[in-house]
Amino acid sequence: MKTKYNAQKIEYDGHKFDSQAEMKRYIVLRQYQKEGRIKDLRCHPRFELLEKQKVNILYEKSGRWHFNTSERGIDYTGDFSYTENGIPVVEEVKSKATAKRADYILRRKLFKAKYPEILFREIIM
């Protein structure tokens, strides 16, 4: 099955990856962990960017107010997370094209603003 970015999804070592590049990076990171260069390697860690909110909305078609309507929160799911020299790291594997997408850039900026203590690392493949 292909993703929306025309990458081939693949399963390896009990994990599902969105691309071969992501899988190859996992193999490298897994080796780094065996060598002791990193620790606590996780695949697809999830971080909350914006919590669920109660809002009051006026629906244009009906002209009626809807009070205390819930809007979903916004999460960010990285490709990998780990600790390197005591520093938490979140890593994204991207192609040159997907690294320039506006939706990705916005999520990256929101993540970096909310989690400044976590090093955000992009791997362009």
N, C-alpha and C. Protein backbone atom coordinates (compact mmCIF):
# COMPACT_ATOMS: atom_id res chain seq x y z
N MET A 1 0.84 -1.18 0.00
CA MET A 1 0.00 0.00 0.00
C MET A 1 0.89 1.25 0.00
N LYS A 2 0.53 2.22 -0.81
CA LYS A 2 1.31 3.45 -0.89
C LYS A 2 0.65 4.53 -0.04
N THR A 3 1.49 5.44 0.48
CA THR A 3 0.99 6.55 1.28
C THR A 3 0.61 7.69 0.35
N LYS A 4 0.08 8.77 0.94
CA LYS A 4 -0.33 9.91 0.13
C LYS A 4 0.86 10.59 -0.55
N TYR A 5 2.07 10.31 -0.07
CA TYR A 5 3.27 10.90 -0.68
C TYR A 5 3.94 9.93 -1.64
N ASN A 6 3.22 8.87 -2.01
CA ASN A 6 3.66 7.87 -2.98
C ASN A 6 4.81 7.00 -2.45
N ALA A 7 4.95 6.93 -1.13
CA ALA A 7 5.97 6.07 -0.54
C ALA A 7 5.33 4.71 -0.25
N GLN A 8 6.15 3.69 -0.27
CA GLN A 8 5.67 2.33 -0.03
C GLN A 8 5.72 2.02 1.46
N LYS A 9 4.56 1.71 2.06
CA LYS A 9 4.52 1.31 3.47
C LYS A 9 5.18 -0.06 3.61
N ILE A 10 5.84 -0.25 4.76
CA ILE A 10 6.56 -1.50 4.96
C ILE A 10 6.54 -1.87 6.44
N GLU A 11 6.52 -3.16 6.71
CA GLU A 11 6.57 -3.65 8.09
C GLU A 11 7.90 -4.35 8.30
N TYR A 12 8.53 -4.04 9.44
CA TYR A 12 9.84 -4.62 9.74
C TYR A 12 10.01 -4.67 11.25
N ASP A 13 10.46 -5.77 11.77
CA ASP A 13 10.79 -5.92 13.19
C ASP A 13 9.59 -5.57 14.09
N GLY A 14 8.38 -5.89 13.62
CA GLY A 14 7.18 -5.63 14.41
C GLY A 14 6.67 -4.21 14.36
N HIS A 15 7.27 -3.36 13.53
CA HIS A 15 6.86 -1.96 13.40
C HIS A 15 6.41 -1.69 11.97
N LYS A 16 5.44 -0.79 11.81
CA LYS A 16 4.99 -0.37 10.49
C LYS A 16 5.59 0.99 10.18
N PHE A 17 6.23 1.09 9.03
CA PHE A 17 6.88 2.32 8.62
C PHE A 17 6.21 2.87 7.37
N ASP A 18 6.21 4.21 7.25
CA ASP A 18 5.56 4.86 6.11
C ASP A 18 6.41 4.84 4.85
N SER A 19 7.69 4.51 4.98
CA SER A 19 8.56 4.49 3.81
C SER A 19 9.78 3.61 4.08
N GLN A 20 10.46 3.26 3.01
CA GLN A 20 11.70 2.49 3.13
C GLN A 20 12.77 3.33 3.82
N ALA A 21 12.78 4.63 3.55
CA ALA A 21 13.77 5.51 4.18
C ALA A 21 13.59 5.50 5.70
N GLU A 22 12.35 5.54 6.16
CA GLU A 22 12.07 5.50 7.60
C GLU A 22 12.53 4.16 8.20
N MET A 23 12.28 3.07 7.49
CA MET A 23 12.71 1.76 7.96
C MET A 23 14.23 1.68 8.04
N LYS A 24 14.91 2.21 7.02
CA LYS A 24 16.37 2.18 7.02
C LYS A 24 16.94 3.00 8.18
N ARG A 25 16.30 4.11 8.49
CA ARG A 25 16.76 4.93 9.61
C ARG A 25 16.54 4.18 10.93
N TYR A 26 15.44 3.44 11.04
CA TYR A 26 15.19 2.63 12.23
C TYR A 26 16.31 1.62 12.43
N ILE A 27 16.74 0.98 11.36
CA ILE A 27 17.82 -0.01 11.45
C ILE A 27 19.09 0.64 11.97
N VAL A 28 19.41 1.84 11.49
CA VAL A 28 20.59 2.58 11.96
C VAL A 28 20.44 2.92 13.44
N LEU A 29 19.27 3.45 13.83
CA LEU A 29 19.05 3.83 15.22
C LEU A 29 19.08 2.62 16.16
N ARG A 30 18.55 1.52 15.69
CA ARG A 30 18.57 0.30 16.50
C ARG A 30 20.02 -0.15 16.73
N GLN A 31 20.87 -0.01 15.72
CA GLN A 31 22.29 -0.34 15.87
C GLN A 31 22.96 0.63 16.84
N TYR A 32 22.63 1.93 16.75
CA TYR A 32 23.17 2.91 17.69
C TYR A 32 22.80 2.54 19.13
N GLN A 33 21.58 2.06 19.32
CA GLN A 33 21.15 1.68 20.66
C GLN A 33 21.94 0.47 21.16
N LYS A 34 22.18 -0.50 20.28
CA LYS A 34 22.98 -1.68 20.66
C LYS A 34 24.40 -1.27 21.05
N GLU A 35 24.93 -0.25 20.37
CA GLU A 35 26.29 0.23 20.64
C GLU A 35 26.34 1.15 21.85
N GLY A 36 25.17 1.55 22.37
CA GLY A 36 25.13 2.44 23.53
C GLY A 36 25.21 3.92 23.20
N ARG A 37 25.11 4.27 21.92
CA ARG A 37 25.18 5.67 21.52
C ARG A 37 23.89 6.41 21.84
N ILE A 38 22.76 5.68 21.82
CA ILE A 38 21.46 6.24 22.20
C ILE A 38 20.76 5.22 23.10
N LYS A 39 19.69 5.66 23.76
CA LYS A 39 18.89 4.73 24.56
C LYS A 39 17.42 5.13 24.48
N ASP A 40 16.55 4.24 24.94
CA ASP A 40 15.10 4.47 24.98
C ASP A 40 14.50 4.74 23.60
N LEU A 41 14.96 4.02 22.58
CA LEU A 41 14.44 4.20 21.23
C LEU A 41 12.97 3.82 21.17
N ARG A 42 12.15 4.73 20.64
CA ARG A 42 10.71 4.47 20.44
C ARG A 42 10.33 4.85 19.02
N CYS A 43 9.42 4.06 18.46
CA CYS A 43 8.88 4.36 17.14
C CYS A 43 7.54 5.07 17.29
N HIS A 44 7.32 6.07 16.49
CA HIS A 44 6.08 6.81 16.39
C HIS A 44 5.57 7.34 17.74
N PRO A 45 6.41 8.09 18.45
CA PRO A 45 5.96 8.69 19.70
C PRO A 45 4.95 9.80 19.44
N ARG A 46 3.98 9.91 20.33
CA ARG A 46 2.91 10.91 20.15
C ARG A 46 3.05 12.00 21.21
N PHE A 47 2.89 13.25 20.78
CA PHE A 47 2.97 14.41 21.65
C PHE A 47 1.75 15.30 21.42
N GLU A 48 1.20 15.81 22.50
CA GLU A 48 0.06 16.72 22.39
C GLU A 48 0.58 18.12 22.08
N LEU A 49 0.05 18.72 21.01
CA LEU A 49 0.41 20.09 20.66
C LEU A 49 -0.62 21.07 21.19
N LEU A 50 -1.89 20.68 21.13
CA LEU A 50 -2.97 21.55 21.58
C LEU A 50 -4.06 20.66 22.15
N GLU A 51 -4.47 20.94 23.38
CA GLU A 51 -5.47 20.08 24.02
C GLU A 51 -6.87 20.34 23.47
N LYS A 52 -7.74 19.38 23.69
CA LYS A 52 -9.15 19.48 23.31
C LYS A 52 -9.73 20.74 23.93
N GLN A 53 -10.62 21.43 23.19
CA GLN A 53 -11.16 22.69 23.66
C GLN A 53 -12.68 22.72 23.56
N LYS A 54 -13.28 23.45 24.47
CA LYS A 54 -14.71 23.74 24.39
C LYS A 54 -14.84 25.10 23.72
N VAL A 55 -15.68 25.19 22.71
CA VAL A 55 -15.86 26.45 21.98
C VAL A 55 -17.33 26.69 21.72
N ASN A 56 -17.68 27.94 21.48
CA ASN A 56 -19.03 28.31 21.07
C ASN A 56 -18.97 28.64 19.59
N ILE A 57 -19.80 27.96 18.81
CA ILE A 57 -19.73 28.08 17.36
C ILE A 57 -21.09 28.50 16.81
N LEU A 58 -21.09 29.44 15.86
CA LEU A 58 -22.30 29.81 15.14
C LEU A 58 -22.24 29.12 13.79
N TYR A 59 -23.19 28.22 13.54
CA TYR A 59 -23.24 27.54 12.25
C TYR A 59 -23.95 28.43 11.26
N GLU A 60 -23.30 28.72 10.17
CA GLU A 60 -23.81 29.68 9.19
C GLU A 60 -25.12 29.21 8.56
N LYS A 61 -25.24 27.94 8.21
CA LYS A 61 -26.45 27.47 7.53
C LYS A 61 -27.68 27.60 8.41
N SER A 62 -27.56 27.23 9.68
CA SER A 62 -28.73 27.26 10.55
C SER A 62 -28.86 28.58 11.28
N GLY A 63 -27.76 29.33 11.39
CA GLY A 63 -27.79 30.58 12.11
C GLY A 63 -27.94 30.39 13.61
N ARG A 64 -27.68 29.17 14.11
CA ARG A 64 -27.85 28.87 15.53
C ARG A 64 -26.49 28.74 16.21
N TRP A 65 -26.46 29.19 17.46
CA TRP A 65 -25.27 29.02 18.28
C TRP A 65 -25.27 27.63 18.90
N HIS A 66 -24.12 27.02 18.92
CA HIS A 66 -23.94 25.74 19.60
C HIS A 66 -22.89 25.96 20.68
N PHE A 67 -23.33 25.88 21.94
CA PHE A 67 -22.45 26.20 23.06
C PHE A 67 -21.73 24.96 23.56
N ASN A 68 -20.53 25.20 24.03
CA ASN A 68 -19.70 24.14 24.61
C ASN A 68 -19.48 22.96 23.66
N THR A 69 -19.32 23.27 22.40
CA THR A 69 -18.98 22.26 21.41
C THR A 69 -17.51 21.89 21.58
N SER A 70 -17.20 20.63 21.48
CA SER A 70 -15.81 20.20 21.63
C SER A 70 -15.10 20.21 20.29
N GLU A 71 -13.89 20.71 20.31
CA GLU A 71 -13.00 20.58 19.15
C GLU A 71 -11.85 19.67 19.57
N ARG A 72 -11.50 18.76 18.67
CA ARG A 72 -10.42 17.83 18.96
C ARG A 72 -9.11 18.57 19.21
N GLY A 73 -8.26 17.94 19.99
CA GLY A 73 -6.93 18.46 20.19
C GLY A 73 -6.07 18.16 18.97
N ILE A 74 -4.86 18.64 18.99
CA ILE A 74 -3.92 18.40 17.90
C ILE A 74 -2.72 17.66 18.47
N ASP A 75 -2.41 16.52 17.88
CA ASP A 75 -1.25 15.72 18.28
C ASP A 75 -0.21 15.75 17.18
N TYR A 76 1.02 15.52 17.58
CA TYR A 76 2.12 15.35 16.64
C TYR A 76 2.71 13.97 16.88
N THR A 77 2.88 13.20 15.84
CA THR A 77 3.51 11.90 15.94
C THR A 77 4.82 11.94 15.16
N GLY A 78 5.91 11.79 15.89
CA GLY A 78 7.23 11.78 15.26
C GLY A 78 7.53 10.40 14.70
N ASP A 79 8.61 10.30 13.97
CA ASP A 79 9.02 8.99 13.48
C ASP A 79 9.72 8.20 14.58
N PHE A 80 10.61 8.87 15.33
CA PHE A 80 11.35 8.20 16.39
C PHE A 80 11.61 9.17 17.54
N SER A 81 11.81 8.62 18.72
CA SER A 81 12.33 9.40 19.83
C SER A 81 13.35 8.54 20.56
N TYR A 82 14.32 9.18 21.18
CA TYR A 82 15.37 8.50 21.92
C TYR A 82 16.11 9.52 22.77
N THR A 83 17.01 9.03 23.58
CA THR A 83 17.87 9.90 24.39
C THR A 83 19.29 9.73 23.91
N GLU A 84 19.96 10.86 23.68
CA GLU A 84 21.35 10.86 23.21
C GLU A 84 22.16 11.77 24.12
N ASN A 85 23.12 11.22 24.82
CA ASN A 85 23.94 11.98 25.77
C ASN A 85 23.09 12.73 26.79
N GLY A 86 22.01 12.08 27.25
CA GLY A 86 21.12 12.68 28.24
C GLY A 86 20.13 13.68 27.70
N ILE A 87 20.14 13.91 26.39
CA ILE A 87 19.24 14.88 25.75
C ILE A 87 18.14 14.13 25.02
N PRO A 88 16.86 14.47 25.29
CA PRO A 88 15.77 13.83 24.54
C PRO A 88 15.74 14.35 23.10
N VAL A 89 15.52 13.42 22.18
CA VAL A 89 15.53 13.75 20.75
C VAL A 89 14.26 13.18 20.11
N VAL A 90 13.65 13.98 19.23
CA VAL A 90 12.59 13.48 18.36
C VAL A 90 13.10 13.64 16.94
N GLU A 91 12.88 12.60 16.15
CA GLU A 91 13.45 12.58 14.81
C GLU A 91 12.37 12.37 13.76
N GLU A 92 12.50 13.09 12.67
CA GLU A 92 11.61 12.98 11.50
C GLU A 92 12.45 12.61 10.29
N VAL A 93 12.02 11.62 9.55
CA VAL A 93 12.66 11.24 8.30
C VAL A 93 11.78 11.79 7.17
N LYS A 94 12.37 12.65 6.33
CA LYS A 94 11.60 13.31 5.28
C LYS A 94 12.38 13.29 3.96
N SER A 95 11.62 13.36 2.88
CA SER A 95 12.24 13.63 1.58
C SER A 95 12.34 15.15 1.46
N LYS A 96 13.10 15.61 0.49
CA LYS A 96 13.21 17.06 0.29
C LYS A 96 11.84 17.68 0.05
N ALA A 97 11.00 16.98 -0.70
CA ALA A 97 9.67 17.51 -1.03
C ALA A 97 8.76 17.59 0.19
N THR A 98 8.70 16.53 0.98
CA THR A 98 7.79 16.55 2.13
C THR A 98 8.29 17.47 3.24
N ALA A 99 9.59 17.71 3.30
CA ALA A 99 10.14 18.63 4.31
C ALA A 99 9.71 20.07 4.05
N LYS A 100 9.27 20.36 2.82
CA LYS A 100 8.85 21.73 2.46
C LYS A 100 7.35 21.94 2.57
N ARG A 101 6.60 20.90 2.89
CA ARG A 101 5.13 21.01 2.96
C ARG A 101 4.71 21.92 4.12
N ALA A 102 3.78 22.81 3.85
CA ALA A 102 3.33 23.79 4.84
C ALA A 102 2.76 23.13 6.09
N ASP A 103 1.99 22.04 5.93
CA ASP A 103 1.40 21.39 7.11
C ASP A 103 2.48 20.78 8.01
N TYR A 104 3.51 20.22 7.42
CA TYR A 104 4.61 19.67 8.22
C TYR A 104 5.37 20.79 8.93
N ILE A 105 5.66 21.86 8.21
CA ILE A 105 6.40 22.98 8.80
C ILE A 105 5.63 23.57 9.98
N LEU A 106 4.32 23.70 9.87
CA LEU A 106 3.51 24.21 10.97
C LEU A 106 3.58 23.29 12.19
N ARG A 107 3.41 21.98 11.97
CA ARG A 107 3.50 21.02 13.09
C ARG A 107 4.88 21.05 13.73
N ARG A 108 5.92 21.17 12.92
CA ARG A 108 7.29 21.24 13.44
C ARG A 108 7.47 22.48 14.32
N LYS A 109 6.97 23.62 13.87
CA LYS A 109 7.08 24.86 14.63
C LYS A 109 6.30 24.78 15.94
N LEU A 110 5.09 24.21 15.89
CA LEU A 110 4.29 24.06 17.10
C LEU A 110 4.99 23.12 18.09
N PHE A 111 5.56 22.04 17.59
CA PHE A 111 6.27 21.10 18.45
C PHE A 111 7.45 21.79 19.13
N LYS A 112 8.26 22.50 18.35
CA LYS A 112 9.45 23.15 18.90
C LYS A 112 9.08 24.22 19.92
N ALA A 113 7.94 24.89 19.72
CA ALA A 113 7.50 25.91 20.67
C ALA A 113 7.02 25.28 21.98
N LYS A 114 6.30 24.17 21.89
CA LYS A 114 5.75 23.54 23.09
C LYS A 114 6.79 22.70 23.84
N TYR A 115 7.73 22.12 23.13
CA TYR A 115 8.72 21.22 23.74
C TYR A 115 10.15 21.71 23.45
N PRO A 116 10.53 22.89 23.94
CA PRO A 116 11.87 23.41 23.64
C PRO A 116 13.00 22.58 24.23
N GLU A 117 12.68 21.75 25.24
CA GLU A 117 13.70 20.93 25.88
C GLU A 117 14.04 19.68 25.07
N ILE A 118 13.26 19.41 24.01
CA ILE A 118 13.49 18.23 23.17
C ILE A 118 14.16 18.69 21.87
N LEU A 119 15.27 18.07 21.54
CA LEU A 119 15.96 18.37 20.29
C LEU A 119 15.15 17.77 19.13
N PHE A 120 14.80 18.59 18.15
CA PHE A 120 14.07 18.13 16.98
C PHE A 120 15.07 17.95 15.85
N ARG A 121 15.18 16.72 15.35
CA ARG A 121 16.17 16.40 14.33
C ARG A 121 15.47 15.94 13.07
N GLU A 122 15.78 16.58 11.96
CA GLU A 122 15.25 16.18 10.65
C GLU A 122 16.32 15.41 9.89
N ILE A 123 15.94 14.27 9.36
CA ILE A 123 16.82 13.49 8.50
C ILE A 123 16.23 13.55 7.10
N ILE A 124 16.91 14.23 6.21
CA ILE A 124 16.43 14.38 4.83
C ILE A 124 17.09 13.29 3.99
N MET A 125 16.24 12.44 3.40
CA MET A 125 16.75 11.32 2.60
C MET A 125 16.20 11.39 1.19
